[in-house]
N, C-alpha and C. Protein backbone atom coordinates (compact mmCIF):
# COMPACT_ATOMS: atom_id res chain seq x y z
N MET A 1 60.88 127.43 91.49
CA MET A 1 61.36 128.68 92.15
C MET A 1 61.07 128.39 93.34
N SER A 2 61.84 128.51 94.15
CA SER A 2 61.54 128.70 95.59
C SER A 2 61.40 129.69 96.15
N TYR A 3 60.40 129.83 97.53
CA TYR A 3 60.11 131.00 98.17
C TYR A 3 61.18 132.04 98.37
N ASP A 4 62.11 131.56 98.92
CA ASP A 4 63.22 132.63 99.15
C ASP A 4 63.44 133.41 97.84
N MET A 5 63.62 132.65 96.42
CA MET A 5 63.80 133.50 95.62
C MET A 5 62.62 134.48 95.22
N VAL A 6 61.52 133.85 95.38
CA VAL A 6 60.40 135.07 95.04
C VAL A 6 60.24 136.10 96.16
N VAL A 7 60.60 135.61 97.26
CA VAL A 7 61.25 137.27 98.05
C VAL A 7 61.80 137.92 97.75
N GLU A 8 62.96 137.50 97.47
CA GLU A 8 64.13 138.28 96.93
C GLU A 8 63.70 139.15 95.46
N ILE A 9 62.90 138.41 94.85
CA ILE A 9 62.49 139.69 93.42
C ILE A 9 61.31 140.25 93.86
N VAL A 10 60.77 140.01 94.96
CA VAL A 10 59.72 140.98 95.22
C VAL A 10 60.24 142.25 95.85
N LEU A 11 61.15 141.57 96.75
CA LEU A 11 62.01 142.83 97.58
C LEU A 11 62.75 143.69 96.80
N GLY A 12 63.36 143.24 95.70
CA GLY A 12 63.97 143.84 94.63
C GLY A 12 63.21 144.62 93.95
N LEU A 13 61.91 144.10 93.25
CA LEU A 13 61.21 145.14 92.49
C LEU A 13 60.90 146.20 93.39
N VAL A 14 60.23 146.17 94.97
CA VAL A 14 60.03 147.09 95.76
C VAL A 14 60.92 148.03 95.66
N ILE A 15 62.25 147.94 96.18
CA ILE A 15 63.47 148.74 95.92
C ILE A 15 63.41 149.53 94.68
N TYR A 16 63.50 148.82 93.73
CA TYR A 16 63.86 149.47 92.32
C TYR A 16 62.51 150.74 92.27
N VAL A 17 61.14 150.03 92.33
CA VAL A 17 60.04 150.58 92.26
C VAL A 17 60.32 151.95 92.74
N LEU A 18 60.81 152.06 94.30
CA LEU A 18 60.94 153.17 95.02
C LEU A 18 61.94 154.00 94.69
N VAL A 19 63.06 153.49 94.41
CA VAL A 19 64.10 154.50 93.55
C VAL A 19 63.36 155.02 92.45
N ALA A 20 62.83 154.43 91.60
CA ALA A 20 62.58 155.09 90.14
C ALA A 20 61.38 155.91 90.43
N ALA A 21 60.36 155.93 91.49
CA ALA A 21 59.60 156.48 91.61
C ALA A 21 60.32 157.83 92.28
N VAL A 22 61.51 157.89 93.08
CA VAL A 22 62.09 159.19 93.50
C VAL A 22 62.75 159.97 92.19
N MET A 23 62.99 159.34 91.31
CA MET A 23 63.59 159.93 89.95
C MET A 23 62.62 160.36 89.57
N LEU A 24 61.30 159.72 89.16
CA LEU A 24 60.45 160.29 88.42
C LEU A 24 59.69 161.26 89.00
N GLY A 25 59.62 161.38 90.23
CA GLY A 25 59.13 162.60 90.97
C GLY A 25 59.95 163.72 91.03
N ILE A 26 61.43 163.77 90.83
CA ILE A 26 62.23 164.69 90.54
C ILE A 26 62.02 165.02 89.24
N GLY A 27 61.75 164.38 87.98
CA GLY A 27 61.30 164.44 87.10
C GLY A 27 60.24 165.42 86.67
N ILE A 28 59.44 164.85 87.28
CA ILE A 28 57.82 165.70 87.20
C ILE A 28 57.93 166.98 87.66
N SER A 29 58.61 167.16 88.88
CA SER A 29 58.46 168.38 89.46
C SER A 29 59.28 169.51 88.85
N GLN A 30 60.47 169.04 88.35
CA GLN A 30 61.34 169.94 87.35
C GLN A 30 60.45 170.16 86.11
N TYR A 31 59.85 168.98 85.64
CA TYR A 31 59.29 169.66 84.25
C TYR A 31 58.08 170.88 84.56
N LYS A 32 57.57 170.59 85.56
CA LYS A 32 56.19 171.80 85.95
C LYS A 32 56.95 173.00 86.71
N SER A 33 58.06 172.78 87.28
CA SER A 33 58.46 174.25 87.78
C SER A 33 58.49 175.44 86.95
N GLN A 34 58.22 176.40 87.53
CA GLN A 34 58.30 177.88 86.82
C GLN A 34 59.65 178.34 87.11
N LYS A 35 60.37 177.86 87.86
CA LYS A 35 61.69 178.74 88.56
C LYS A 35 62.63 177.66 87.91
N PRO A 36 63.79 178.09 87.70
CA PRO A 36 64.84 177.30 87.15
C PRO A 36 65.22 176.35 88.13
N VAL A 37 66.08 174.99 87.63
CA VAL A 37 65.98 173.87 88.57
C VAL A 37 67.20 173.60 88.20
N GLY A 38 67.92 172.92 89.24
CA GLY A 38 69.30 172.65 89.37
C GLY A 38 69.16 170.96 88.88
N PHE A 39 70.41 170.62 88.40
CA PHE A 39 70.75 169.11 87.98
C PHE A 39 70.42 168.51 89.03
N TYR A 40 71.32 168.70 90.02
CA TYR A 40 71.52 167.99 91.25
C TYR A 40 71.60 168.54 92.67
N SER A 41 71.55 168.10 93.64
CA SER A 41 71.50 168.71 94.80
C SER A 41 72.61 169.57 95.29
N GLY A 42 74.07 169.29 94.49
CA GLY A 42 75.10 169.85 94.85
C GLY A 42 75.33 170.97 93.98
N GLU A 43 74.17 171.24 93.11
CA GLU A 43 74.57 172.68 92.31
C GLU A 43 73.31 173.46 92.45
N LYS A 44 73.84 174.76 92.55
CA LYS A 44 72.59 175.83 92.99
C LYS A 44 72.34 176.17 91.40
N PRO A 45 70.55 176.12 90.97
CA PRO A 45 69.79 176.39 89.91
C PRO A 45 70.58 177.89 89.40
N PRO A 46 70.47 177.74 88.08
CA PRO A 46 70.53 179.32 87.71
C PRO A 46 69.71 180.16 87.70
N LEU A 47 70.03 181.48 87.46
CA LEU A 47 69.02 182.50 87.95
C LEU A 47 68.02 182.70 86.78
N GLU A 48 67.09 183.28 86.84
CA GLU A 48 66.18 183.12 85.61
C GLU A 48 66.78 184.24 84.56
N SER A 49 67.53 185.28 85.25
CA SER A 49 68.18 186.14 84.14
C SER A 49 69.39 185.60 83.28
N GLU A 50 70.16 184.33 83.89
CA GLU A 50 71.14 183.64 83.42
C GLU A 50 70.82 182.80 81.97
N LEU A 51 69.40 182.48 81.86
CA LEU A 51 68.82 181.40 81.09
C LEU A 51 67.79 182.14 80.08
N THR A 52 68.29 181.82 78.56
CA THR A 52 67.66 182.44 77.68
C THR A 52 66.50 181.87 77.40
N ASP A 53 65.66 180.73 78.00
CA ASP A 53 64.66 179.92 78.09
C ASP A 53 64.21 179.12 79.37
N VAL A 54 63.79 178.97 80.43
CA VAL A 54 63.61 178.81 81.28
C VAL A 54 62.34 177.66 81.60
N THR A 55 61.61 177.72 80.64
CA THR A 55 60.50 176.79 80.46
C THR A 55 61.06 175.44 79.66
N MET A 56 62.15 175.87 78.77
CA MET A 56 62.52 174.80 78.02
C MET A 56 63.44 174.03 78.82
N TRP A 57 64.52 174.78 79.43
CA TRP A 57 65.53 174.53 80.53
C TRP A 57 65.06 173.29 81.46
N ASN A 58 63.86 173.82 81.61
CA ASN A 58 63.36 172.82 82.94
C ASN A 58 62.70 171.88 82.34
N LYS A 59 61.77 171.84 81.47
CA LYS A 59 61.37 170.49 80.63
C LYS A 59 62.43 169.61 80.61
N LYS A 60 63.38 170.26 79.90
CA LYS A 60 64.42 169.27 79.23
C LYS A 60 64.96 168.31 80.29
N HIS A 61 65.42 169.32 81.56
CA HIS A 61 65.76 168.59 82.61
C HIS A 61 64.94 167.35 83.36
N GLY A 62 63.39 167.91 83.60
CA GLY A 62 62.58 167.10 83.82
C GLY A 62 62.50 165.72 83.22
N LYS A 63 62.52 165.94 81.45
CA LYS A 63 62.24 164.72 80.90
C LYS A 63 63.57 163.65 80.93
N MET A 64 65.11 164.17 81.52
CA MET A 64 65.95 163.55 81.61
C MET A 64 65.80 162.42 82.90
N TRP A 65 65.34 163.12 84.04
CA TRP A 65 65.04 162.37 84.89
C TRP A 65 63.54 161.59 84.60
N ILE A 66 62.91 161.81 84.20
CA ILE A 66 61.66 160.95 84.06
C ILE A 66 62.21 159.50 83.19
N LEU A 67 63.00 159.80 82.45
CA LEU A 67 63.90 158.63 81.31
C LEU A 67 64.69 158.15 82.09
N TYR A 68 65.26 158.62 83.29
CA TYR A 68 66.32 157.92 84.17
C TYR A 68 65.21 157.10 84.92
N GLY A 69 64.33 157.19 85.39
CA GLY A 69 63.36 156.50 86.18
C GLY A 69 62.77 155.36 85.14
N ILE A 70 62.34 155.66 84.19
CA ILE A 70 62.19 154.20 83.21
C ILE A 70 62.91 153.54 82.99
N ILE A 71 64.40 154.04 82.86
CA ILE A 71 65.48 153.13 82.66
C ILE A 71 65.66 152.25 83.72
N ILE A 72 65.67 152.95 85.01
CA ILE A 72 65.82 151.94 86.29
C ILE A 72 64.65 150.53 86.28
N ILE A 73 63.49 151.11 86.09
CA ILE A 73 62.59 149.90 85.95
C ILE A 73 62.69 148.94 84.82
N LEU A 74 63.10 149.55 83.76
CA LEU A 74 63.12 148.78 82.64
C LEU A 74 64.55 147.91 82.73
N SER A 75 65.64 148.20 83.75
CA SER A 75 66.66 147.42 83.93
C SER A 75 66.35 146.20 84.78
N TYR A 76 65.35 146.55 85.77
CA TYR A 76 64.89 145.25 86.47
C TYR A 76 64.45 144.37 85.61
N ALA A 77 63.56 144.70 85.10
CA ALA A 77 62.74 143.84 84.13
C ALA A 77 63.63 143.06 83.22
N VAL A 78 64.73 143.72 82.83
CA VAL A 78 65.52 142.92 82.02
C VAL A 78 66.30 141.67 82.81
N GLY A 79 66.68 142.07 84.00
CA GLY A 79 67.54 141.56 84.91
C GLY A 79 66.72 140.43 85.72
N ILE A 80 65.40 140.55 85.77
CA ILE A 80 64.52 139.61 86.78
C ILE A 80 65.06 138.21 86.13
N PRO A 81 64.55 138.01 84.59
CA PRO A 81 65.12 136.34 84.36
C PRO A 81 66.54 135.74 84.89
N LEU A 82 67.21 136.64 84.97
CA LEU A 82 68.80 136.16 85.01
C LEU A 82 68.88 135.92 86.51
N VAL A 83 67.89 136.89 87.50
CA VAL A 83 67.94 136.65 89.07
C VAL A 83 67.15 135.34 89.17
N SER A 84 66.24 134.95 88.38
CA SER A 84 65.06 133.86 88.44
C SER A 84 66.30 132.45 88.50
N GLN A 85 67.26 132.81 87.69
CA GLN A 85 68.13 131.53 87.39
C GLN A 85 69.22 131.54 87.82
N ASP A 86 69.51 132.45 89.43
CA ASP A 86 70.18 132.47 90.05
C ASP A 86 71.72 132.58 89.31
N SER A 87 71.53 133.46 88.28
CA SER A 87 72.88 133.91 87.54
C SER A 87 73.69 134.91 88.08
N VAL A 88 75.03 135.12 88.23
CA VAL A 88 75.72 136.28 88.78
C VAL A 88 75.47 137.38 87.54
N TRP A 89 75.31 137.30 86.27
CA TRP A 89 74.92 137.99 85.48
C TRP A 89 73.76 139.31 85.47
N CYS A 90 72.92 138.67 86.50
CA CYS A 90 71.80 139.70 86.78
C CYS A 90 72.58 140.84 87.37
N VAL A 91 73.95 141.19 87.75
CA VAL A 91 74.17 142.27 88.26
C VAL A 91 74.28 143.17 87.06
N VAL A 92 74.78 142.96 85.84
CA VAL A 92 75.09 143.82 84.68
C VAL A 92 73.65 144.53 84.60
N PRO A 93 72.70 144.11 83.88
CA PRO A 93 71.07 145.05 83.79
C PRO A 93 71.09 145.84 85.20
N LEU A 94 71.02 145.21 86.22
CA LEU A 94 70.68 145.77 87.61
C LEU A 94 71.31 146.88 87.78
N CYS A 95 72.56 146.73 87.78
CA CYS A 95 73.41 148.08 88.30
C CYS A 95 73.75 148.89 86.96
N GLY A 96 73.69 148.31 85.67
CA GLY A 96 73.72 149.18 84.58
C GLY A 96 72.87 150.38 84.43
N GLY A 97 71.74 149.56 84.39
CA GLY A 97 70.24 150.52 84.63
C GLY A 97 70.40 151.81 85.47
N ILE A 98 71.29 151.58 86.58
CA ILE A 98 71.56 152.84 87.20
C ILE A 98 72.74 153.60 87.31
N LEU A 99 73.81 152.86 87.14
CA LEU A 99 74.70 153.48 86.83
C LEU A 99 75.42 154.08 85.42
N VAL A 100 75.11 153.57 84.18
CA VAL A 100 75.37 153.62 83.01
C VAL A 100 74.57 155.12 82.58
N PRO A 101 73.38 155.40 82.75
CA PRO A 101 72.94 156.51 82.47
C PRO A 101 73.18 158.07 83.22
N LEU A 102 74.05 157.75 84.19
CA LEU A 102 74.35 159.00 84.77
C LEU A 102 75.46 159.88 83.98
N PRO A 103 76.65 159.51 83.38
CA PRO A 103 77.48 159.85 82.65
C PRO A 103 76.92 160.77 81.39
N PHE A 104 75.88 160.03 80.88
CA PHE A 104 75.09 160.61 79.77
C PHE A 104 74.16 161.62 80.47
N MET A 105 73.79 161.76 81.25
CA MET A 105 72.82 162.84 82.06
C MET A 105 73.57 164.10 82.36
N ILE A 106 75.29 163.60 82.89
CA ILE A 106 76.04 165.06 83.19
C ILE A 106 76.38 165.64 81.80
N MET A 107 76.38 164.63 80.92
CA MET A 107 77.14 165.01 79.38
C MET A 107 75.68 166.05 78.96
N ASN A 108 74.54 165.56 79.17
CA ASN A 108 73.44 166.27 78.83
C ASN A 108 73.30 167.62 79.23
N HIS A 109 73.33 167.61 80.59
CA HIS A 109 72.99 168.59 81.34
C HIS A 109 74.47 169.85 81.16
N HIS A 110 75.39 168.98 80.81
CA HIS A 110 76.29 170.34 80.09
C HIS A 110 76.06 170.90 78.79
N LYS A 111 75.60 170.12 78.11
CA LYS A 111 75.03 170.32 76.81
C LYS A 111 73.94 171.58 77.02
N LEU A 112 72.93 171.13 77.97
CA LEU A 112 71.91 172.25 78.10
C LEU A 112 72.26 173.90 78.57
N MET A 113 73.63 173.31 79.52
CA MET A 113 74.00 174.72 79.87
C MET A 113 74.52 175.47 78.65
N ARG A 114 75.43 175.04 77.73
CA ARG A 114 75.98 175.68 76.54
C ARG A 114 74.75 176.00 75.77
N GLN A 115 73.60 175.64 75.73
CA GLN A 115 72.34 176.00 74.72
C GLN A 115 71.63 176.89 75.68
N TYR A 116 71.24 177.15 77.03
CA TYR A 116 70.24 178.01 77.45
C TYR A 116 70.88 179.07 78.48
N LYS A 117 71.97 178.75 78.75
CA LYS A 117 72.89 179.75 79.47
C LYS A 117 73.11 180.96 78.90
N LYS A 118 73.14 182.16 79.29
CA LYS A 118 73.68 183.26 78.42
C LYS A 118 74.77 183.37 78.51
């Protein structure tokens, strides 16, 4: 393995860890929050009076973001052998781990809205 390849792998790892850390941070803060949380920055969080159970609302949203951070790290771990082989297929797990969970997260958020909104 060449020096350039090692640099690419380490740089990619740093980027993925930073992105995953942001997602994990969002998840942990939502999990511990006492006030209702929003799903993403473009959405206003519901009022406490609009939810049947604020604690479970926050915990389930927090777990979703924590899982997303873990998936990002795992996608890099799966893609690394392909990167080291200089394969174009490394894009599948690397991008898949970031993009594929998003529609499922949105569907889960809508499910939680049906479940916890009055």
